[in-house]
Amino acid sequence: MQCSKCSRKAVTYIRYNGKYLCKQHFMEFVERRIKKEIRKQGLPKGTIAVALSGGKDSSIAAYMLNEILKEHRERKLVAITIDEGIKGYRDKTIEIAKKFCEEHEIEHHIFSFKDFIGFTMDEISKKRGNIAECTYCGVFRRYVLNKVARKMNVKAIVLGHNLDDVAQTILMNFIRNDLRRLARMAPHRHIQPGLIPRLLPLIEIPEKETTLYALLKGFEIYEGACPYSVRAMRGEYRNILFMLEEKHPGTRHAILNSYRGIEDCLAKKFPPAKLQPCKICGEPSSQPVCMACQLREKLKVSP
């Protein structure tokens, strides 16, 4: 098929808007929306960090920010990689992240669960009890990322979450009736003391498009999945959304737009919690002891 904008051969068909796009127009289509989101969400002056896993999405976010910030003297881009300690998985993506940063001349920092939490994810998996690995991983990853970013005087953390990721999160929180968590979703407009705001420049880009964009740009892609994701509930919501999108193109965008329509109402009903220093680690927390320290204590007493 020919591109809907020119006579060149199309590389993809965008079902939700009915257009065929060639390589050039597809890449422009992706980049235009990412740049629009960056303008919309805003970039503070100072150091901007990309949470770089080595996966396609965070690599695209890092690439786009690097291209945009090259001419911005008042802003600096760094990449932060969190090594959870998952043998056969994270070690491979860390190597990809290292190569990516070397190629694009991005300052790169790597921090590990072992150094900050005292356990690797492989060790946590053996001691987790009835709590899924993803619960530990999510809490600890956010904890370490925020802590190191604050020490580096980072003003905003850019995440590579795509449209599929965000639509899944919205759906999960609605079904669980966890409206407080829904009200706290990134991108963050309200800055709380001690917490670094997070931005999502890929929020409008479906995963299929991020994959194709990464392939067309020649980015190295690791196709393996985290071995612990098989026990994550997110996979069920991913399958639900996939089926809905196949039957009703545009479903993911509709979910995102519905959330955006009630975002202000959620913010008023569930204002940010008053934070206090955690009694154990001193990090900002809505509870006397932060969730990271609560989970870490569970691991210490586990056999």
C-alpha atoms as a PDB file:
ATOM      1  CA  MET A   1       0.000   0.000   0.000  1.00  0.00           C
ATOM      2  CA  GLN A   2       1.054   3.575  -0.644  1.00  0.00           C
ATOM      3  CA  CYS A   3       1.524   6.169   2.087  1.00  0.00           C
ATOM      4  CA  SER A   4      -1.578   8.301   2.594  1.00  0.00           C
ATOM      5  CA  LYS A   5       0.613  11.428   2.477  1.00  0.00           C
ATOM      6  CA  CYS A   6       2.935  10.619  -0.450  1.00  0.00           C
ATOM      7  CA  SER A   7       3.603   7.999  -3.119  1.00  0.00           C
ATOM      8  CA  ARG A   8       6.159   6.007  -1.113  1.00  0.00           C
ATOM      9  CA  LYS A   9       5.536   2.479   0.135  1.00  0.00           C
ATOM     10  CA  ALA A  10       3.777   2.363   3.501  1.00  0.00           C
ATOM     11  CA  VAL A  11       5.509   0.632   6.417  1.00  0.00           C
ATOM     12  CA  THR A  12       2.435   0.569   8.671  1.00  0.00           C
ATOM     13  CA  TYR A  13      -1.298   1.122   8.877  1.00  0.00           C
ATOM     14  CA  ILE A  14      -2.608   3.257  11.749  1.00  0.00           C
ATOM     15  CA  ARG A  15      -5.971   1.602  12.420  1.00  0.00           C
ATOM     16  CA  TYR A  16      -7.319   4.254  14.798  1.00  0.00           C
ATOM     17  CA  ASN A  17      -7.015   7.033  12.206  1.00  0.00           C
ATOM     18  CA  GLY A  18      -7.232   4.986   8.985  1.00  0.00           C
ATOM     19  CA  LYS A  19      -3.912   6.109   7.464  1.00  0.00           C
ATOM     20  CA  TYR A  20      -1.052   4.264   5.775  1.00  0.00           C
ATOM     21  CA  LEU A  21       2.338   5.852   6.470  1.00  0.00           C
ATOM     22  CA  CYS A  22       5.768   5.474   4.886  1.00  0.00           C
ATOM     23  CA  LYS A  23       8.916   5.400   7.022  1.00  0.00           C
ATOM     24  CA  GLN A  24       9.455   9.166   6.909  1.00  0.00           C
ATOM     25  CA  HIS A  25       5.872  10.161   7.649  1.00  0.00           C
ATOM     26  CA  PHE A  26       5.475   7.502  10.333  1.00  0.00           C
ATOM     27  CA  MET A  27       8.561   8.727  12.187  1.00  0.00           C
ATOM     28  CA  GLU A  28       7.364  12.318  11.869  1.00  0.00           C
ATOM     29  CA  PHE A  29       3.955  11.210  13.172  1.00  0.00           C
ATOM     30  CA  VAL A  30       5.563   9.709  16.294  1.00  0.00           C
ATOM     31  CA  GLU A  31       8.058  12.518  16.904  1.00  0.00           C
ATOM     32  CA  ARG A  32       5.461  15.252  16.486  1.00  0.00           C
ATOM     33  CA  ARG A  33       3.253  13.794  19.229  1.00  0.00           C
ATOM     34  CA  ILE A  34       6.193  13.253  21.588  1.00  0.00           C
ATOM     35  CA  LYS A  35       7.365  16.851  21.142  1.00  0.00           C
ATOM     36  CA  LYS A  36       3.805  18.081  21.695  1.00  0.00           C
ATOM     37  CA  GLU A  37       3.596  16.145  24.979  1.00  0.00           C
ATOM     38  CA  ILE A  38       6.943  17.490  26.137  1.00  0.00           C
ATOM     39  CA  ARG A  39       5.736  21.049  25.501  1.00  0.00           C
ATOM     40  CA  LYS A  40       2.429  20.290  27.214  1.00  0.00           C
ATOM     41  CA  GLN A  41       3.927  18.665  30.294  1.00  0.00           C
ATOM     42  CA  GLY A  42       6.815  21.129  30.485  1.00  0.00           C
ATOM     43  CA  LEU A  43      10.504  20.723  31.218  1.00  0.00           C
ATOM     44  CA  PRO A  44      11.908  22.583  34.226  1.00  0.00           C
ATOM     45  CA  LYS A  45      15.316  24.199  33.960  1.00  0.00           C
ATOM     46  CA  GLY A  46      18.200  22.218  35.379  1.00  0.00           C
ATOM     47  CA  THR A  47      19.000  18.512  35.236  1.00  0.00           C
ATOM     48  CA  ILE A  48      16.447  16.205  33.586  1.00  0.00           C
ATOM     49  CA  ALA A  49      16.842  12.459  34.146  1.00  0.00           C
ATOM     50  CA  VAL A  50      15.521   9.681  31.932  1.00  0.00           C
ATOM     51  CA  ALA A  51      14.840   6.395  33.713  1.00  0.00           C
ATOM     52  CA  LEU A  52      16.639   4.224  31.155  1.00  0.00           C
ATOM     53  CA  SER A  53      15.997   0.486  31.399  1.00  0.00           C
ATOM     54  CA  GLY A  54      17.524  -0.367  28.044  1.00  0.00           C
ATOM     55  CA  GLY A  55      14.104  -1.200  26.628  1.00  0.00           C
ATOM     56  CA  LYS A  56      12.703   0.369  23.475  1.00  0.00           C
ATOM     57  CA  ASP A  57      10.398   2.879  25.181  1.00  0.00           C
ATOM     58  CA  SER A  58      12.903   4.414  27.579  1.00  0.00           C
ATOM     59  CA  SER A  59      15.462   4.480  24.754  1.00  0.00           C
ATOM     60  CA  ILE A  60      13.059   6.457  22.564  1.00  0.00           C
ATOM     61  CA  ALA A  61      12.348   8.865  25.431  1.00  0.00           C
ATOM     62  CA  ALA A  62      16.091   9.340  25.998  1.00  0.00           C
ATOM     63  CA  TYR A  63      16.753   9.833  22.279  1.00  0.00           C
ATOM     64  CA  MET A  64      14.007  12.439  21.852  1.00  0.00           C
ATOM     65  CA  LEU A  65      14.998  14.373  24.992  1.00  0.00           C
ATOM     66  CA  ASN A  66      18.625  14.322  23.931  1.00  0.00           C
ATOM     67  CA  GLU A  67      17.765  15.724  20.507  1.00  0.00           C
ATOM     68  CA  ILE A  68      15.577  18.449  22.005  1.00  0.00           C
ATOM     69  CA  LEU A  69      17.964  19.480  24.784  1.00  0.00           C
ATOM     70  CA  LYS A  70      21.146  19.651  22.702  1.00  0.00           C
ATOM     71  CA  GLU A  71      20.595  23.366  22.150  1.00  0.00           C
ATOM     72  CA  HIS A  72      19.284  24.096  25.657  1.00  0.00           C
ATOM     73  CA  ARG A  73      22.123  25.397  27.802  1.00  0.00           C
ATOM     74  CA  GLU A  74      19.849  25.798  30.822  1.00  0.00           C
ATOM     75  CA  ARG A  75      18.941  22.092  30.813  1.00  0.00           C
ATOM     76  CA  LYS A  76      21.085  18.968  31.127  1.00  0.00           C
ATOM     77  CA  LEU A  77      20.091  15.379  30.335  1.00  0.00           C
ATOM     78  CA  VAL A  78      21.291  12.364  32.306  1.00  0.00           C
ATOM     79  CA  ALA A  79      20.191   8.728  32.251  1.00  0.00           C
ATOM     80  CA  ILE A  80      19.577   6.665  35.391  1.00  0.00           C
ATOM     81  CA  THR A  81      19.381   2.879  35.226  1.00  0.00           C
ATOM     82  CA  ILE A  82      18.138   0.841  38.189  1.00  0.00           C
ATOM     83  CA  ASP A  83      19.657  -2.632  38.430  1.00  0.00           C
ATOM     84  CA  GLU A  84      17.077  -4.735  40.264  1.00  0.00           C
ATOM     85  CA  GLY A  85      19.308  -7.792  40.173  1.00  0.00           C
ATOM     86  CA  ILE A  86      17.500 -10.173  37.800  1.00  0.00           C
ATOM     87  CA  LYS A  87      20.044 -12.518  36.224  1.00  0.00           C
ATOM     88  CA  GLY A  88      19.555 -13.289  32.562  1.00  0.00           C
ATOM     89  CA  TYR A  89      17.286 -10.280  32.100  1.00  0.00           C
ATOM     90  CA  ARG A  90      18.372  -6.988  33.631  1.00  0.00           C
ATOM     91  CA  ASP A  91      22.065  -7.612  33.022  1.00  0.00           C
ATOM     92  CA  LYS A  92      21.321  -7.827  29.279  1.00  0.00           C
ATOM     93  CA  THR A  93      19.266  -4.609  29.152  1.00  0.00           C
ATOM     94  CA  ILE A  94      21.894  -2.755  31.201  1.00  0.00           C
ATOM     95  CA  GLU A  95      24.471  -3.526  28.516  1.00  0.00           C
ATOM     96  CA  ILE A  96      22.083  -2.124  25.896  1.00  0.00           C
ATOM     97  CA  ALA A  97      21.571   1.006  28.017  1.00  0.00           C
ATOM     98  CA  LYS A  98      25.346   1.483  28.372  1.00  0.00           C
ATOM     99  CA  LYS A  99      25.901   1.211  24.620  1.00  0.00           C
ATOM    100  CA  PHE A 100      22.997   3.551  23.901  1.00  0.00           C
ATOM    101  CA  CYS A 101      24.350   6.253  26.212  1.00  0.00           C
ATOM    102  CA  GLU A 102      27.869   5.913  24.814  1.00  0.00           C
ATOM    103  CA  GLU A 103      26.567   6.221  21.248  1.00  0.00           C
ATOM    104  CA  HIS A 104      24.455   9.295  22.032  1.00  0.00           C
ATOM    105  CA  GLU A 105      26.901  10.866  24.506  1.00  0.00           C
ATOM    106  CA  ILE A 106      24.456  10.823  27.427  1.00  0.00           C
ATOM    107  CA  GLU A 107      25.774  10.849  30.988  1.00  0.00           C
ATOM    108  CA  HIS A 108      24.803   7.483  32.478  1.00  0.00           C
ATOM    109  CA  HIS A 109      24.430   6.377  36.117  1.00  0.00           C
ATOM    110  CA  ILE A 110      23.616   2.851  37.354  1.00  0.00           C
ATOM    111  CA  PHE A 111      22.296   2.097  40.851  1.00  0.00           C
ATOM    112  CA  SER A 112      21.370  -1.288  42.291  1.00  0.00           C
ATOM    113  CA  PHE A 113      18.746  -2.726  44.633  1.00  0.00           C
ATOM    114  CA  LYS A 114      21.563  -4.588  46.387  1.00  0.00           C
ATOM    115  CA  ASP A 115      23.290  -1.353  47.402  1.00  0.00           C
ATOM    116  CA  PHE A 116      20.152   0.534  48.450  1.00  0.00           C
ATOM    117  CA  ILE A 117      17.758  -2.192  49.632  1.00  0.00           C
ATOM    118  CA  GLY A 118      20.173  -4.939  50.644  1.00  0.00           C
ATOM    119  CA  PHE A 119      18.612  -7.566  48.368  1.00  0.00           C
ATOM    120  CA  THR A 120      18.499  -8.336  44.666  1.00  0.00           C
ATOM    121  CA  MET A 121      15.150  -9.198  43.056  1.00  0.00           C
ATOM    122  CA  ASP A 122      16.328 -12.780  42.670  1.00  0.00           C
ATOM    123  CA  GLU A 123      16.886 -12.914  46.438  1.00  0.00           C
ATOM    124  CA  ILE A 124      13.566 -11.169  47.098  1.00  0.00           C
ATOM    125  CA  SER A 125      11.732 -13.731  44.954  1.00  0.00           C
ATOM    126  CA  LYS A 126      12.859 -16.492  47.300  1.00  0.00           C
ATOM    127  CA  LYS A 127      11.731 -14.602  50.425  1.00  0.00           C
ATOM    128  CA  ARG A 128       8.613 -12.804  49.148  1.00  0.00           C
ATOM    129  CA  GLY A 129       5.950 -14.966  50.817  1.00  0.00           C
ATOM    130  CA  ASN A 130       2.504 -14.219  49.356  1.00  0.00           C
ATOM    131  CA  ILE A 131       3.475 -10.803  47.957  1.00  0.00           C
ATOM    132  CA  ALA A 132       4.171 -10.777  44.211  1.00  0.00           C
ATOM    133  CA  GLU A 133       7.622  -9.805  42.983  1.00  0.00           C
ATOM    134  CA  CYS A 134       6.190  -6.882  41.016  1.00  0.00           C
ATOM    135  CA  THR A 135       4.930  -5.285  44.236  1.00  0.00           C
ATOM    136  CA  TYR A 136       8.409  -5.308  45.757  1.00  0.00           C
ATOM    137  CA  CYS A 137      10.040  -4.284  42.495  1.00  0.00           C
ATOM    138  CA  GLY A 138       7.722  -1.347  41.835  1.00  0.00           C
ATOM    139  CA  VAL A 139       8.044   0.094  45.343  1.00  0.00           C
ATOM    140  CA  PHE A 140      11.808  -0.350  45.545  1.00  0.00           C
ATOM    141  CA  ARG A 141      12.455   0.948  42.027  1.00  0.00           C
ATOM    142  CA  ARG A 142      10.492   4.155  42.700  1.00  0.00           C
ATOM    143  CA  TYR A 143      12.240   4.511  46.059  1.00  0.00           C
ATOM    144  CA  VAL A 144      15.763   4.190  44.666  1.00  0.00           C
ATOM    145  CA  LEU A 145      15.047   6.311  41.595  1.00  0.00           C
ATOM    146  CA  ASN A 146      13.620   9.190  43.648  1.00  0.00           C
ATOM    147  CA  LYS A 147      16.410   9.006  46.237  1.00  0.00           C
ATOM    148  CA  VAL A 148      19.297   9.082  43.778  1.00  0.00           C
ATOM    149  CA  ALA A 149      17.609  11.669  41.538  1.00  0.00           C
ATOM    150  CA  ARG A 150      17.171  14.030  44.481  1.00  0.00           C
ATOM    151  CA  LYS A 151      20.834  13.650  45.440  1.00  0.00           C
ATOM    152  CA  MET A 152      21.752  14.491  41.837  1.00  0.00           C
ATOM    153  CA  ASN A 153      19.561  17.614  42.021  1.00  0.00           C
ATOM    154  CA  VAL A 154      17.323  16.314  39.241  1.00  0.00           C
ATOM    155  CA  LYS A 155      14.298  18.541  38.556  1.00  0.00           C
ATOM    156  CA  ALA A 156      12.161  15.978  36.663  1.00  0.00           C
ATOM    157  CA  ILE A 157      12.301  12.268  35.864  1.00  0.00           C
ATOM    158  CA  VAL A 158      11.202  11.172  32.392  1.00  0.00           C
ATOM    159  CA  LEU A 159       9.647   7.712  32.136  1.00  0.00           C
ATOM    160  CA  GLY A 160       9.167   5.712  28.942  1.00  0.00           C
ATOM    161  CA  HIS A 161       5.594   4.612  29.658  1.00  0.00           C
ATOM    162  CA  ASN A 162       3.637   4.314  26.390  1.00  0.00           C
ATOM    163  CA  LEU A 163      -0.096   4.525  25.725  1.00  0.00           C
ATOM    164  CA  ASP A 164      -0.654   0.824  26.419  1.00  0.00           C
ATOM    165  CA  ASP A 165       1.104   1.085  29.799  1.00  0.00           C
ATOM    166  CA  VAL A 166      -0.931   4.119  30.849  1.00  0.00           C
ATOM    167  CA  ALA A 167      -4.284   2.746  29.627  1.00  0.00           C
ATOM    168  CA  GLN A 168      -3.613  -0.488  31.546  1.00  0.00           C
ATOM    169  CA  THR A 169      -2.830   1.462  34.718  1.00  0.00           C
ATOM    170  CA  ILE A 170      -5.983   3.569  34.419  1.00  0.00           C
ATOM    171  CA  LEU A 171      -8.130   0.481  33.875  1.00  0.00           C
ATOM    172  CA  MET A 172      -6.491  -1.372  36.773  1.00  0.00           C
ATOM    173  CA  ASN A 173      -7.065   1.477  39.204  1.00  0.00           C
ATOM    174  CA  PHE A 174     -10.692   1.914  38.151  1.00  0.00           C
ATOM    175  CA  ILE A 175     -11.476  -1.783  38.524  1.00  0.00           C
ATOM    176  CA  ARG A 176      -9.721  -1.921  41.896  1.00  0.00           C
ATOM    177  CA  ASN A 177     -11.554   1.247  42.986  1.00  0.00           C
ATOM    178  CA  ASP A 178      -8.183   2.767  43.847  1.00  0.00           C
ATOM    179  CA  LEU A 179      -9.061   6.353  42.978  1.00  0.00           C
ATOM    180  CA  ARG A 180      -6.375   7.799  45.248  1.00  0.00           C
ATOM    181  CA  ARG A 181      -3.710   6.028  43.232  1.00  0.00           C
ATOM    182  CA  LEU A 182      -5.412   7.190  40.038  1.00  0.00           C
ATOM    183  CA  ALA A 183      -5.218  10.782  41.281  1.00  0.00           C
ATOM    184  CA  ARG A 184      -1.447  10.415  41.846  1.00  0.00           C
ATOM    185  CA  MET A 185      -0.634   9.180  38.338  1.00  0.00           C
ATOM    186  CA  ALA A 186       2.114  10.798  36.288  1.00  0.00           C
ATOM    187  CA  PRO A 187       2.637  13.175  34.611  1.00  0.00           C
ATOM    188  CA  HIS A 188       2.789  15.147  37.849  1.00  0.00           C
ATOM    189  CA  ARG A 189       1.659  18.732  37.949  1.00  0.00           C
ATOM    190  CA  HIS A 190       1.870  19.163  41.722  1.00  0.00           C
ATOM    191  CA  ILE A 191       5.378  19.044  43.167  1.00  0.00           C
ATOM    192  CA  GLN A 192       5.692  17.706  46.711  1.00  0.00           C
ATOM    193  CA  PRO A 193       8.774  18.354  48.855  1.00  0.00           C
ATOM    194  CA  GLY A 194      11.270  15.527  48.483  1.00  0.00           C
ATOM    195  CA  LEU A 195       9.495  13.861  45.536  1.00  0.00           C
ATOM    196  CA  ILE A 196      10.771  14.407  42.009  1.00  0.00           C
ATOM    197  CA  PRO A 197       7.923  14.961  39.488  1.00  0.00           C
ATOM    198  CA  ARG A 198       7.667  12.468  36.629  1.00  0.00           C
ATOM    199  CA  LEU A 199       6.901  13.133  32.987  1.00  0.00           C
ATOM    200  CA  LEU A 200       5.543  10.786  30.300  1.00  0.00           C
ATOM    201  CA  PRO A 201       6.391  12.039  26.794  1.00  0.00           C
ATOM    202  CA  LEU A 202       5.288   8.736  25.155  1.00  0.00           C
ATOM    203  CA  ILE A 203       1.839   8.774  26.767  1.00  0.00           C
ATOM    204  CA  GLU A 204       0.052   9.113  23.382  1.00  0.00           C
ATOM    205  CA  ILE A 205       2.133   6.506  21.508  1.00  0.00           C
ATOM    206  CA  PRO A 206       0.851   2.889  21.326  1.00  0.00           C
ATOM    207  CA  GLU A 207       3.370   0.131  22.014  1.00  0.00           C
ATOM    208  CA  LYS A 208       3.170  -1.168  18.449  1.00  0.00           C
ATOM    209  CA  GLU A 209       4.321   2.236  17.227  1.00  0.00           C
ATOM    210  CA  THR A 210       7.180   2.528  19.736  1.00  0.00           C
ATOM    211  CA  THR A 211       8.395  -0.902  18.633  1.00  0.00           C
ATOM    212  CA  LEU A 212       8.312   0.031  14.941  1.00  0.00           C
ATOM    213  CA  TYR A 213       9.947   3.411  15.595  1.00  0.00           C
ATOM    214  CA  ALA A 214      12.796   1.759  17.531  1.00  0.00           C
ATOM    215  CA  LEU A 215      13.325  -0.760  14.719  1.00  0.00           C
ATOM    216  CA  LEU A 216      13.348   1.934  12.041  1.00  0.00           C
ATOM    217  CA  LYS A 217      15.847   3.998  14.064  1.00  0.00           C
ATOM    218  CA  GLY A 218      18.089   0.953  14.425  1.00  0.00           C
ATOM    219  CA  PHE A 219      17.925   0.859  18.219  1.00  0.00           C
ATOM    220  CA  GLU A 220      18.989  -2.428  19.774  1.00  0.00           C
ATOM    221  CA  ILE A 221      15.923  -4.190  21.154  1.00  0.00           C
ATOM    222  CA  TYR A 222      15.894  -6.945  23.756  1.00  0.00           C
ATOM    223  CA  GLU A 223      12.753  -9.019  23.297  1.00  0.00           C
ATOM    224  CA  GLY A 224      12.952 -11.049  26.510  1.00  0.00           C
ATOM    225  CA  ALA A 225      10.401 -10.538  29.287  1.00  0.00           C
ATOM    226  CA  CYS A 226      11.042 -10.225  32.993  1.00  0.00           C
ATOM    227  CA  PRO A 227      10.781 -13.761  34.436  1.00  0.00           C
ATOM    228  CA  TYR A 228       8.680 -12.483  37.327  1.00  0.00           C
ATOM    229  CA  SER A 229       6.041 -10.754  35.182  1.00  0.00           C
ATOM    230  CA  VAL A 230       4.123 -14.033  34.769  1.00  0.00           C
ATOM    231  CA  ARG A 231       2.606 -13.462  38.236  1.00  0.00           C
ATOM    232  CA  ALA A 232       1.668  -9.829  37.564  1.00  0.00           C
ATOM    233  CA  MET A 233      -2.005  -8.916  37.181  1.00  0.00           C
ATOM    234  CA  ARG A 234      -1.061  -6.324  34.578  1.00  0.00           C
ATOM    235  CA  GLY A 235      -0.841  -9.111  31.990  1.00  0.00           C
ATOM    236  CA  GLU A 236      -4.574  -9.750  32.338  1.00  0.00           C
ATOM    237  CA  TYR A 237      -5.388  -6.097  31.700  1.00  0.00           C
ATOM    238  CA  ARG A 238      -2.981  -6.078  28.748  1.00  0.00           C
ATOM    239  CA  ASN A 239      -4.921  -8.948  27.180  1.00  0.00           C
ATOM    240  CA  ILE A 240      -8.266  -7.245  27.817  1.00  0.00           C
ATOM    241  CA  LEU A 241      -7.121  -4.020  26.177  1.00  0.00           C
ATOM    242  CA  PHE A 242      -5.594  -5.879  23.252  1.00  0.00           C
ATOM    243  CA  MET A 243      -8.929  -7.570  22.506  1.00  0.00           C
ATOM    244  CA  LEU A 244     -10.857  -4.312  22.873  1.00  0.00           C
ATOM    245  CA  GLU A 245      -8.437  -2.425  20.627  1.00  0.00           C
ATOM    246  CA  GLU A 246      -8.656  -5.132  17.961  1.00  0.00           C
ATOM    247  CA  LYS A 247     -12.449  -4.872  17.873  1.00  0.00           C
ATOM    248  CA  HIS A 248     -12.699  -1.142  18.542  1.00  0.00           C
ATOM    249  CA  PRO A 249      -9.638   0.814  17.320  1.00  0.00           C
ATOM    250  CA  GLY A 250      -9.041   3.875  19.483  1.00  0.00           C
ATOM    251  CA  THR A 251     -10.048   2.229  22.772  1.00  0.00           C
ATOM    252  CA  ARG A 252      -6.714   3.013  24.452  1.00  0.00           C
ATOM    253  CA  HIS A 253      -6.896   6.672  23.447  1.00  0.00           C
ATOM    254  CA  ALA A 254     -10.495   6.826  24.677  1.00  0.00           C
ATOM    255  CA  ILE A 255      -9.460   5.475  28.094  1.00  0.00           C
ATOM    256  CA  LEU A 256      -6.658   8.042  28.336  1.00  0.00           C
ATOM    257  CA  ASN A 257      -8.947  10.901  27.282  1.00  0.00           C
ATOM    258  CA  SER A 258     -11.614   9.792  29.759  1.00  0.00           C
ATOM    259  CA  TYR A 259      -9.047   9.918  32.537  1.00  0.00           C
ATOM    260  CA  ARG A 260      -7.864  13.346  31.435  1.00  0.00           C
ATOM    261  CA  GLY A 261     -11.476  14.519  31.530  1.00  0.00           C
ATOM    262  CA  ILE A 262     -11.800  13.715  35.231  1.00  0.00           C
ATOM    263  CA  GLU A 263      -8.205  14.383  36.267  1.00  0.00           C
ATOM    264  CA  ASP A 264      -8.959  17.769  37.848  1.00  0.00           C
ATOM    265  CA  CYS A 265     -11.927  16.350  39.760  1.00  0.00           C
ATOM    266  CA  LEU A 266      -9.766  13.530  41.131  1.00  0.00           C
ATOM    267  CA  ALA A 267      -7.102  16.022  42.195  1.00  0.00           C
ATOM    268  CA  LYS A 268      -9.680  18.046  44.147  1.00  0.00           C
ATOM    269  CA  LYS A 269     -11.279  15.026  45.808  1.00  0.00           C
ATOM    270  CA  PHE A 270      -7.946  13.378  46.635  1.00  0.00           C
ATOM    271  CA  PRO A 271      -5.404  16.142  47.304  1.00  0.00           C
ATOM    272  CA  PRO A 272      -1.753  15.135  47.789  1.00  0.00           C
ATOM    273  CA  ALA A 273      -1.098  13.517  51.153  1.00  0.00           C
ATOM    274  CA  LYS A 274       0.884  15.418  53.764  1.00  0.00           C
ATOM    275  CA  LEU A 275       4.356  13.926  53.800  1.00  0.00           C
ATOM    276  CA  GLN A 276       6.640  13.275  56.725  1.00  0.00           C
ATOM    277  CA  PRO A 277      10.141  11.807  56.997  1.00  0.00           C
ATOM    278  CA  CYS A 278      10.134   8.030  57.316  1.00  0.00           C
ATOM    279  CA  LYS A 279      11.197   7.052  60.846  1.00  0.00           C
ATOM    280  CA  ILE A 280      13.628   4.496  59.458  1.00  0.00           C
ATOM    281  CA  CYS A 281      15.190   5.964  56.311  1.00  0.00           C
ATOM    282  CA  GLY A 282      14.121   9.622  56.387  1.00  0.00           C
ATOM    283  CA  GLU A 283      12.599   9.561  52.900  1.00  0.00           C
ATOM    284  CA  PRO A 284       9.286  11.430  52.403  1.00  0.00           C
ATOM    285  CA  SER A 285       6.272   9.253  53.213  1.00  0.00           C
ATOM    286  CA  SER A 286       2.530   9.550  53.849  1.00  0.00           C
ATOM    287  CA  GLN A 287       2.963   7.060  56.720  1.00  0.00           C
ATOM    288  CA  PRO A 288       5.296   7.019  59.743  1.00  0.00           C
ATOM    289  CA  VAL A 289       7.261   4.232  58.024  1.00  0.00           C
ATOM    290  CA  CYS A 290       7.472   4.339  54.215  1.00  0.00           C
ATOM    291  CA  MET A 291       6.331   1.381  52.122  1.00  0.00           C
ATOM    292  CA  ALA A 292       9.887   0.597  51.015  1.00  0.00           C
ATOM    293  CA  CYS A 293      11.013   0.194  54.625  1.00  0.00           C
ATOM    294  CA  GLN A 294       7.900  -1.825  55.485  1.00  0.00           C
ATOM    295  CA  LEU A 295       8.651  -4.281  52.688  1.00  0.00           C
ATOM    296  CA  ARG A 296      12.346  -4.342  53.530  1.00  0.00           C
ATOM    297  CA  GLU A 297      11.511  -5.271  57.136  1.00  0.00           C
ATOM    298  CA  LYS A 298       9.318  -8.118  55.861  1.00  0.00           C
ATOM    299  CA  LEU A 299      12.277  -9.475  53.900  1.00  0.00           C
ATOM    300  CA  LYS A 300      14.574  -9.285  56.911  1.00  0.00           C
ATOM    301  CA  VAL A 301      12.302 -11.492  59.002  1.00  0.00           C
ATOM    302  CA  SER A 302      11.507 -13.925  56.170  1.00  0.00           C
ATOM    303  CA  PRO A 303      13.304 -17.312  56.203  1.00  0.00           C
END
